[in-house]
Amino acid sequence: MGLLKFIIIAVGIYYLLKIIFRALFPFLVQKTFDKMQEKADQQQKEQTKKEGEVTIDQSTENHGNPNKKDIGDYVDFEEVDE
């Protein structure tokens, strides 16, 4: 009798969660898409420039040591005797 009661409660909870998920999922997806659209619109507004407007983007890559140059990778090789 206890096993039958457990199965009925488990099935009931399963269907209840299924109904709630079906009701809330579209709302959550729509809210997420709205946020993504707002961010995209905001970035688009920031990127649009008026005619004659000048912007300078500074790189912070070698900010610590101005004498440091990125000249590439060191390749170790051996001489071949013929």
PDB file of N, CA and C in Angstrom:
ATOM      1  N   MET A   1       0.819  -1.188   0.000  1.00  0.00           N
ATOM      2  CA  MET A   1       0.000   0.000   0.000  1.00  0.00           C
ATOM      3  C   MET A   1       0.866   1.256   0.000  1.00  0.00           C
ATOM      4  N   GLY A   2       1.983   1.211   0.739  1.00  0.00           N
ATOM      5  CA  GLY A   2       2.878   2.365   0.811  1.00  0.00           C
ATOM      6  C   GLY A   2       3.549   2.643  -0.525  1.00  0.00           C
ATOM      7  N   LEU A   3       3.890   1.598  -1.269  1.00  0.00           N
ATOM      8  CA  LEU A   3       4.515   1.757  -2.576  1.00  0.00           C
ATOM      9  C   LEU A   3       3.548   2.388  -3.572  1.00  0.00           C
ATOM     10  N   LEU A   4       2.304   1.986  -3.536  1.00  0.00           N
ATOM     11  CA  LEU A   4       1.292   2.551  -4.429  1.00  0.00           C
ATOM     12  C   LEU A   4       1.077   4.026  -4.131  1.00  0.00           C
ATOM     13  N   LYS A   5       1.044   4.386  -2.865  1.00  0.00           N
ATOM     14  CA  LYS A   5       0.884   5.794  -2.459  1.00  0.00           C
ATOM     15  C   LYS A   5       2.078   6.612  -2.955  1.00  0.00           C
ATOM     16  N   PHE A   6       3.279   6.063  -2.813  1.00  0.00           N
ATOM     17  CA  PHE A   6       4.484   6.759  -3.271  1.00  0.00           C
ATOM     18  C   PHE A   6       4.446   6.983  -4.779  1.00  0.00           C
ATOM     19  N   ILE A   7       4.048   5.978  -5.541  1.00  0.00           N
ATOM     20  CA  ILE A   7       3.989   6.088  -7.005  1.00  0.00           C
ATOM     21  C   ILE A   7       2.973   7.142  -7.420  1.00  0.00           C
ATOM     22  N   ILE A   8       1.812   7.169  -6.781  1.00  0.00           N
ATOM     23  CA  ILE A   8       0.788   8.161  -7.117  1.00  0.00           C
ATOM     24  C   ILE A   8       1.278   9.577  -6.812  1.00  0.00           C
ATOM     25  N   ILE A   9       1.922   9.772  -5.675  1.00  0.00           N
ATOM     26  CA  ILE A   9       2.443  11.099  -5.322  1.00  0.00           C
ATOM     27  C   ILE A   9       3.560  11.510  -6.284  1.00  0.00           C
ATOM     28  N   ALA A  10       4.455  10.576  -6.625  1.00  0.00           N
ATOM     29  CA  ALA A  10       5.555  10.889  -7.536  1.00  0.00           C
ATOM     30  C   ALA A  10       5.039  11.271  -8.914  1.00  0.00           C
ATOM     31  N   VAL A  11       4.049  10.538  -9.420  1.00  0.00           N
ATOM     32  CA  VAL A  11       3.472  10.854 -10.731  1.00  0.00           C
ATOM     33  C   VAL A  11       2.761  12.205 -10.670  1.00  0.00           C
ATOM     34  N   GLY A  12       2.053  12.463  -9.584  1.00  0.00           N
ATOM     35  CA  GLY A  12       1.367  13.746  -9.416  1.00  0.00           C
ATOM     36  C   GLY A  12       2.339  14.910  -9.402  1.00  0.00           C
ATOM     37  N   ILE A  13       3.441  14.760  -8.679  1.00  0.00           N
ATOM     38  CA  ILE A  13       4.454  15.813  -8.625  1.00  0.00           C
ATOM     39  C   ILE A  13       5.101  15.995  -9.999  1.00  0.00           C
ATOM     40  N   TYR A  14       5.332  14.896 -10.693  1.00  0.00           N
ATOM     41  CA  TYR A  14       5.921  14.977 -12.039  1.00  0.00           C
ATOM     42  C   TYR A  14       5.039  15.792 -12.978  1.00  0.00           C
ATOM     43  N   TYR A  15       3.748  15.474 -13.011  1.00  0.00           N
ATOM     44  CA  TYR A  15       2.846  16.197 -13.910  1.00  0.00           C
ATOM     45  C   TYR A  15       2.658  17.651 -13.472  1.00  0.00           C
ATOM     46  N   LEU A  16       2.645  17.901 -12.176  1.00  0.00           N
ATOM     47  CA  LEU A  16       2.531  19.273 -11.677  1.00  0.00           C
ATOM     48  C   LEU A  16       3.745  20.108 -12.110  1.00  0.00           C
ATOM     49  N   LEU A  17       4.941  19.555 -11.958  1.00  0.00           N
ATOM     50  CA  LEU A  17       6.147  20.258 -12.390  1.00  0.00           C
ATOM     51  C   LEU A  17       6.173  20.440 -13.903  1.00  0.00           C
ATOM     52  N   LYS A  18       5.681  19.469 -14.629  1.00  0.00           N
ATOM     53  CA  LYS A  18       5.628  19.561 -16.087  1.00  0.00           C
ATOM     54  C   LYS A  18       4.715  20.705 -16.523  1.00  0.00           C
ATOM     55  N   ILE A  19       3.560  20.831 -15.877  1.00  0.00           N
ATOM     56  CA  ILE A  19       2.623  21.916 -16.207  1.00  0.00           C
ATOM     57  C   ILE A  19       3.219  23.272 -15.842  1.00  0.00           C
ATOM     58  N   ILE A  20       3.836  23.365 -14.680  1.00  0.00           N
ATOM     59  CA  ILE A  20       4.448  24.631 -14.261  1.00  0.00           C
ATOM     60  C   ILE A  20       5.580  25.014 -15.199  1.00  0.00           C
ATOM     61  N   PHE A  21       6.395  24.052 -15.586  1.00  0.00           N
ATOM     62  CA  PHE A  21       7.513  24.330 -16.497  1.00  0.00           C
ATOM     63  C   PHE A  21       7.001  24.814 -17.846  1.00  0.00           C
ATOM     64  N   ARG A  22       5.957  24.185 -18.361  1.00  0.00           N
ATOM     65  CA  ARG A  22       5.394  24.608 -19.648  1.00  0.00           C
ATOM     66  C   ARG A  22       4.809  26.016 -19.567  1.00  0.00           C
ATOM     67  N   ALA A  23       4.321  26.410 -18.417  1.00  0.00           N
ATOM     68  CA  ALA A  23       3.748  27.735 -18.262  1.00  0.00           C
ATOM     69  C   ALA A  23       4.830  28.801 -18.102  1.00  0.00           C
ATOM     70  N   LEU A  24       5.907  28.485 -17.387  1.00  0.00           N
ATOM     71  CA  LEU A  24       6.932  29.480 -17.080  1.00  0.00           C
ATOM     72  C   LEU A  24       8.041  29.571 -18.122  1.00  0.00           C
ATOM     73  N   PHE A  25       8.313  28.502 -18.828  1.00  0.00           N
ATOM     74  CA  PHE A  25       9.430  28.483 -19.771  1.00  0.00           C
ATOM     75  C   PHE A  25       9.325  29.567 -20.854  1.00  0.00           C
ATOM     76  N   PRO A  26       8.190  29.727 -21.522  1.00  0.00           N
ATOM     77  CA  PRO A  26       8.120  30.794 -22.536  1.00  0.00           C
ATOM     78  C   PRO A  26       8.350  32.187 -21.945  1.00  0.00           C
ATOM     79  N   PHE A  27       7.858  32.412 -20.746  1.00  0.00           N
ATOM     80  CA  PHE A  27       8.068  33.704 -20.092  1.00  0.00           C
ATOM     81  C   PHE A  27       9.554  33.940 -19.827  1.00  0.00           C
ATOM     82  N   LEU A  28      10.257  32.939 -19.318  1.00  0.00           N
ATOM     83  CA  LEU A  28      11.679  33.092 -19.023  1.00  0.00           C
ATOM     84  C   LEU A  28      12.503  33.279 -20.292  1.00  0.00           C
ATOM     85  N   VAL A  29      12.163  32.564 -21.347  1.00  0.00           N
ATOM     86  CA  VAL A  29      12.877  32.696 -22.612  1.00  0.00           C
ATOM     87  C   VAL A  29      12.657  34.088 -23.192  1.00  0.00           C
ATOM     88  N   GLN A  30      11.418  34.575 -23.157  1.00  0.00           N
ATOM     89  CA  GLN A  30      11.115  35.901 -23.685  1.00  0.00           C
ATOM     90  C   GLN A  30      11.864  36.979 -22.900  1.00  0.00           C
ATOM     91  N   LYS A  31      11.925  36.837 -21.599  1.00  0.00           N
ATOM     92  CA  LYS A  31      12.635  37.807 -20.755  1.00  0.00           C
ATOM     93  C   LYS A  31      14.130  37.811 -21.082  1.00  0.00           C
ATOM     94  N   THR A  32      14.703  36.635 -21.290  1.00  0.00           N
ATOM     95  CA  THR A  32      16.115  36.527 -21.629  1.00  0.00           C
ATOM     96  C   THR A  32      16.395  37.160 -22.986  1.00  0.00           C
ATOM     97  N   PHE A  33      15.538  36.896 -23.977  1.00  0.00           N
ATOM     98  CA  PHE A  33      15.724  37.493 -25.295  1.00  0.00           C
ATOM     99  C   PHE A  33      15.577  39.001 -25.254  1.00  0.00           C
ATOM    100  N   ASP A  34      14.671  39.505 -24.429  1.00  0.00           N
ATOM    101  CA  ASP A  34      14.502  40.956 -24.301  1.00  0.00           C
ATOM    102  C   ASP A  34      15.769  41.606 -23.740  1.00  0.00           C
ATOM    103  N   LYS A  35      16.372  40.972 -22.738  1.00  0.00           N
ATOM    104  CA  LYS A  35      17.612  41.500 -22.173  1.00  0.00           C
ATOM    105  C   LYS A  35      18.739  41.498 -23.208  1.00  0.00           C
ATOM    106  N   MET A  36      18.820  40.405 -23.986  1.00  0.00           N
ATOM    107  CA  MET A  36      19.854  40.326 -25.013  1.00  0.00           C
ATOM    108  C   MET A  36      19.639  41.396 -26.082  1.00  0.00           C
ATOM    109  N   GLN A  37      18.393  41.654 -26.434  1.00  0.00           N
ATOM    110  CA  GLN A  37      18.085  42.668 -27.435  1.00  0.00           C
ATOM    111  C   GLN A  37      18.438  44.062 -26.922  1.00  0.00           C
ATOM    112  N   GLU A  38      18.160  44.331 -25.656  1.00  0.00           N
ATOM    113  CA  GLU A  38      18.507  45.625 -25.065  1.00  0.00           C
ATOM    114  C   GLU A  38      20.019  45.830 -25.075  1.00  0.00           C
ATOM    115  N   LYS A  39      20.789  44.802 -24.744  1.00  0.00           N
ATOM    116  CA  LYS A  39      22.249  44.913 -24.761  1.00  0.00           C
ATOM    117  C   LYS A  39      22.753  45.158 -26.171  1.00  0.00           C
ATOM    118  N   ALA A  40      22.180  44.462 -27.144  1.00  0.00           N
ATOM    119  CA  ALA A  40      22.601  44.648 -28.528  1.00  0.00           C
ATOM    120  C   ALA A  40      22.265  46.059 -29.008  1.00  0.00           C
ATOM    121  N   ASP A  41      21.099  46.559 -28.655  1.00  0.00           N
ATOM    122  CA  ASP A  41      20.726  47.928 -29.025  1.00  0.00           C
ATOM    123  C   ASP A  41      21.660  48.949 -28.387  1.00  0.00           C
ATOM    124  N   GLN A  42      22.006  48.711 -27.123  1.00  0.00           N
ATOM    125  CA  GLN A  42      22.900  49.637 -26.422  1.00  0.00           C
ATOM    126  C   GLN A  42      24.289  49.635 -27.067  1.00  0.00           C
ATOM    127  N   GLN A  43      24.793  48.460 -27.425  1.00  0.00           N
ATOM    128  CA  GLN A  43      26.100  48.389 -28.071  1.00  0.00           C
ATOM    129  C   GLN A  43      26.057  49.038 -29.443  1.00  0.00           C
ATOM    130  N   GLN A  44      24.959  48.892 -30.151  1.00  0.00           N
ATOM    131  CA  GLN A  44      24.825  49.510 -31.471  1.00  0.00           C
ATOM    132  C   GLN A  44      24.831  51.024 -31.355  1.00  0.00           C
ATOM    133  N   LYS A  45      24.172  51.557 -30.329  1.00  0.00           N
ATOM    134  CA  LYS A  45      24.156  53.007 -30.124  1.00  0.00           C
ATOM    135  C   LYS A  45      25.552  53.519 -29.789  1.00  0.00           C
ATOM    136  N   GLU A  46      26.308  52.740 -29.009  1.00  0.00           N
ATOM    137  CA  GLU A  46      27.662  53.149 -28.640  1.00  0.00           C
ATOM    138  C   GLU A  46      28.599  53.120 -29.846  1.00  0.00           C
ATOM    139  N   GLN A  47      28.367  52.223 -30.784  1.00  0.00           N
ATOM    140  CA  GLN A  47      29.270  52.066 -31.915  1.00  0.00           C
ATOM    141  C   GLN A  47      28.989  53.051 -33.033  1.00  0.00           C
ATOM    142  N   THR A  48      27.784  53.570 -33.105  1.00  0.00           N
ATOM    143  CA  THR A  48      27.477  54.506 -34.178  1.00  0.00           C
ATOM    144  C   THR A  48      28.173  55.820 -33.899  1.00  0.00           C
ATOM    145  N   LYS A  49      28.805  56.370 -34.923  1.00  0.00           N
ATOM    146  CA  LYS A  49      29.553  57.616 -34.794  1.00  0.00           C
ATOM    147  C   LYS A  49      28.922  58.665 -35.692  1.00  0.00           C
ATOM    148  N   LYS A  50      28.975  59.882 -35.215  1.00  0.00           N
ATOM    149  CA  LYS A  50      28.516  60.983 -36.049  1.00  0.00           C
ATOM    150  C   LYS A  50      29.623  61.341 -37.030  1.00  0.00           C
ATOM    151  N   GLU A  51      29.256  61.967 -38.120  1.00  0.00           N
ATOM    152  CA  GLU A  51      30.232  62.334 -39.135  1.00  0.00           C
ATOM    153  C   GLU A  51      31.204  63.353 -38.548  1.00  0.00           C
ATOM    154  N   GLY A  52      32.492  63.088 -38.707  1.00  0.00           N
ATOM    155  CA  GLY A  52      33.522  63.975 -38.202  1.00  0.00           C
ATOM    156  C   GLY A  52      33.953  63.677 -36.779  1.00  0.00           C
ATOM    157  N   GLU A  53      33.310  62.737 -36.108  1.00  0.00           N
ATOM    158  CA  GLU A  53      33.662  62.402 -34.739  1.00  0.00           C
ATOM    159  C   GLU A  53      34.880  61.483 -34.735  1.00  0.00           C
ATOM    160  N   VAL A  54      35.816  61.740 -33.846  1.00  0.00           N
ATOM    161  CA  VAL A  54      37.047  60.962 -33.765  1.00  0.00           C
ATOM    162  C   VAL A  54      37.104  60.286 -32.401  1.00  0.00           C
ATOM    163  N   THR A  55      37.425  58.996 -32.403  1.00  0.00           N
ATOM    164  CA  THR A  55      37.621  58.276 -31.148  1.00  0.00           C
ATOM    165  C   THR A  55      38.976  57.592 -31.180  1.00  0.00           C
ATOM    166  N   ILE A  56      39.610  57.520 -30.012  1.00  0.00           N
ATOM    167  CA  ILE A  56      40.924  56.887 -29.895  1.00  0.00           C
ATOM    168  C   ILE A  56      40.790  55.748 -28.900  1.00  0.00           C
ATOM    169  N   ASP A  57      41.052  54.529 -29.352  1.00  0.00           N
ATOM    170  CA  ASP A  57      41.042  53.357 -28.490  1.00  0.00           C
ATOM    171  C   ASP A  57      42.484  53.027 -28.141  1.00  0.00           C
ATOM    172  N   GLN A  58      42.814  53.100 -26.858  1.00  0.00           N
ATOM    173  CA  GLN A  58      44.183  52.837 -26.442  1.00  0.00           C
ATOM    174  C   GLN A  58      44.316  51.394 -25.985  1.00  0.00           C
ATOM    175  N   SER A  59      45.406  50.767 -26.401  1.00  0.00           N
ATOM    176  CA  SER A  59      45.683  49.401 -26.020  1.00  0.00           C
ATOM    177  C   SER A  59      46.398  49.391 -24.677  1.00  0.00           C
ATOM    178  N   THR A  60      46.021  48.477 -23.803  1.00  0.00           N
ATOM    179  CA  THR A  60      46.660  48.346 -22.491  1.00  0.00           C
ATOM    180  C   THR A  60      47.549  47.116 -22.447  1.00  0.00           C
ATOM    181  N   GLU A  61      47.937  46.615 -23.613  1.00  0.00           N
ATOM    182  CA  GLU A  61      48.690  45.365 -23.686  1.00  0.00           C
ATOM    183  C   GLU A  61      50.075  45.499 -23.055  1.00  0.00           C
ATOM    184  N   ASN A  62      50.869  46.470 -23.447  1.00  0.00           N
ATOM    185  CA  ASN A  62      52.219  46.671 -22.905  1.00  0.00           C
ATOM    186  C   ASN A  62      52.237  47.898 -22.001  1.00  0.00           C
ATOM    187  N   HIS A  63      51.266  48.015 -21.166  1.00  0.00           N
ATOM    188  CA  HIS A  63      51.117  49.204 -20.328  1.00  0.00           C
ATOM    189  C   HIS A  63      52.187  49.270 -19.252  1.00  0.00           C
ATOM    190  N   GLY A  64      52.619  48.136 -18.714  1.00  0.00           N
ATOM    191  CA  GLY A  64      53.559  48.107 -17.605  1.00  0.00           C
ATOM    192  C   GLY A  64      54.971  48.517 -17.994  1.00  0.00           C
ATOM    193  N   ASN A  65      55.517  48.030 -19.098  1.00  0.00           N
ATOM    194  CA  ASN A  65      56.877  48.307 -19.503  1.00  0.00           C
ATOM    195  C   ASN A  65      56.865  48.821 -20.938  1.00  0.00           C
ATOM    196  N   PRO A  66      57.126  50.123 -21.151  1.00  0.00           N
ATOM    197  CA  PRO A  66      57.063  50.663 -22.510  1.00  0.00           C
ATOM    198  C   PRO A  66      58.190  50.173 -23.413  1.00  0.00           C
ATOM    199  N   ASN A  67      59.305  49.666 -22.836  1.00  0.00           N
ATOM    200  CA  ASN A  67      60.422  49.184 -23.641  1.00  0.00           C
ATOM    201  C   ASN A  67      60.235  47.742 -24.096  1.00  0.00           C
ATOM    202  N   LYS A  68      59.258  47.069 -23.570  1.00  0.00           N
ATOM    203  CA  LYS A  68      59.015  45.676 -23.922  1.00  0.00           C
ATOM    204  C   LYS A  68      58.390  45.613 -25.313  1.00  0.00           C
ATOM    205  N   LYS A  69      59.017  44.846 -26.190  1.00  0.00           N
ATOM    206  CA  LYS A  69      58.514  44.715 -27.544  1.00  0.00           C
ATOM    207  C   LYS A  69      58.123  43.258 -27.783  1.00  0.00           C
ATOM    208  N   ASP A  70      57.028  43.080 -28.447  1.00  0.00           N
ATOM    209  CA  ASP A  70      56.574  41.738 -28.795  1.00  0.00           C
ATOM    210  C   ASP A  70      57.111  41.446 -30.190  1.00  0.00           C
ATOM    211  N   ILE A  71      58.266  40.758 -30.248  1.00  0.00           N
ATOM    212  CA  ILE A  71      58.908  40.546 -31.542  1.00  0.00           C
ATOM    213  C   ILE A  71      58.672  39.146 -32.075  1.00  0.00           C
ATOM    214  N   GLY A  72      57.904  38.324 -31.372  1.00  0.00           N
ATOM    215  CA  GLY A  72      57.602  36.998 -31.886  1.00  0.00           C
ATOM    216  C   GLY A  72      58.133  35.906 -30.979  1.00  0.00           C
ATOM    217  N   ASP A  73      57.999  34.691 -31.445  1.00  0.00           N
ATOM    218  CA  ASP A  73      58.420  33.525 -30.682  1.00  0.00           C
ATOM    219  C   ASP A  73      59.865  33.167 -31.031  1.00  0.00           C
ATOM    220  N   TYR A  74      60.575  32.645 -30.035  1.00  0.00           N
ATOM    221  CA  TYR A  74      61.937  32.182 -30.241  1.00  0.00           C
ATOM    222  C   TYR A  74      61.886  30.756 -30.758  1.00  0.00           C
ATOM    223  N   VAL A  75      62.573  30.505 -31.846  1.00  0.00           N
ATOM    224  CA  VAL A  75      62.609  29.173 -32.433  1.00  0.00           C
ATOM    225  C   VAL A  75      64.014  28.616 -32.272  1.00  0.00           C
ATOM    226  N   ASP A  76      64.129  27.511 -31.557  1.00  0.00           N
ATOM    227  CA  ASP A  76      65.407  26.868 -31.336  1.00  0.00           C
ATOM    228  C   ASP A  76      65.667  25.914 -32.507  1.00  0.00           C
ATOM    229  N   PHE A  77      66.854  25.989 -33.073  1.00  0.00           N
ATOM    230  CA  PHE A  77      67.162  25.106 -34.187  1.00  0.00           C
ATOM    231  C   PHE A  77      68.590  24.593 -34.069  1.00  0.00           C
ATOM    232  N   GLU A  78      68.868  23.541 -34.761  1.00  0.00           N
ATOM    233  CA  GLU A  78      70.212  22.975 -34.781  1.00  0.00           C
ATOM    234  C   GLU A  78      70.751  23.074 -36.193  1.00  0.00           C
ATOM    235  N   GLU A  79      72.064  23.326 -36.256  1.00  0.00           N
ATOM    236  CA  GLU A  79      72.678  23.393 -37.572  1.00  0.00           C
ATOM    237  C   GLU A  79      72.861  21.978 -38.121  1.00  0.00           C
ATOM    238  N   VAL A  80      72.692  21.822 -39.408  1.00  0.00           N
ATOM    239  CA  VAL A  80      72.837  20.528 -40.046  1.00  0.00           C
ATOM    240  C   VAL A  80      74.145  20.508 -40.808  1.00  0.00           C
ATOM    241  N   ASP A  81      75.009  19.525 -40.490  1.00  0.00           N
ATOM    242  CA  ASP A  81      76.263  19.385 -41.191  1.00  0.00           C
ATOM    243  C   ASP A  81      76.056  18.530 -42.437  1.00  0.00           C
ATOM    244  N   GLU A  82      76.606  18.981 -43.534  1.00  0.00           N
ATOM    245  CA  GLU A  82      76.449  18.210 -44.759  1.00  0.00           C
ATOM    246  C   GLU A  82      77.676  17.416 -45.065  1.00  0.00           C
TER     247      GLU A  82
END
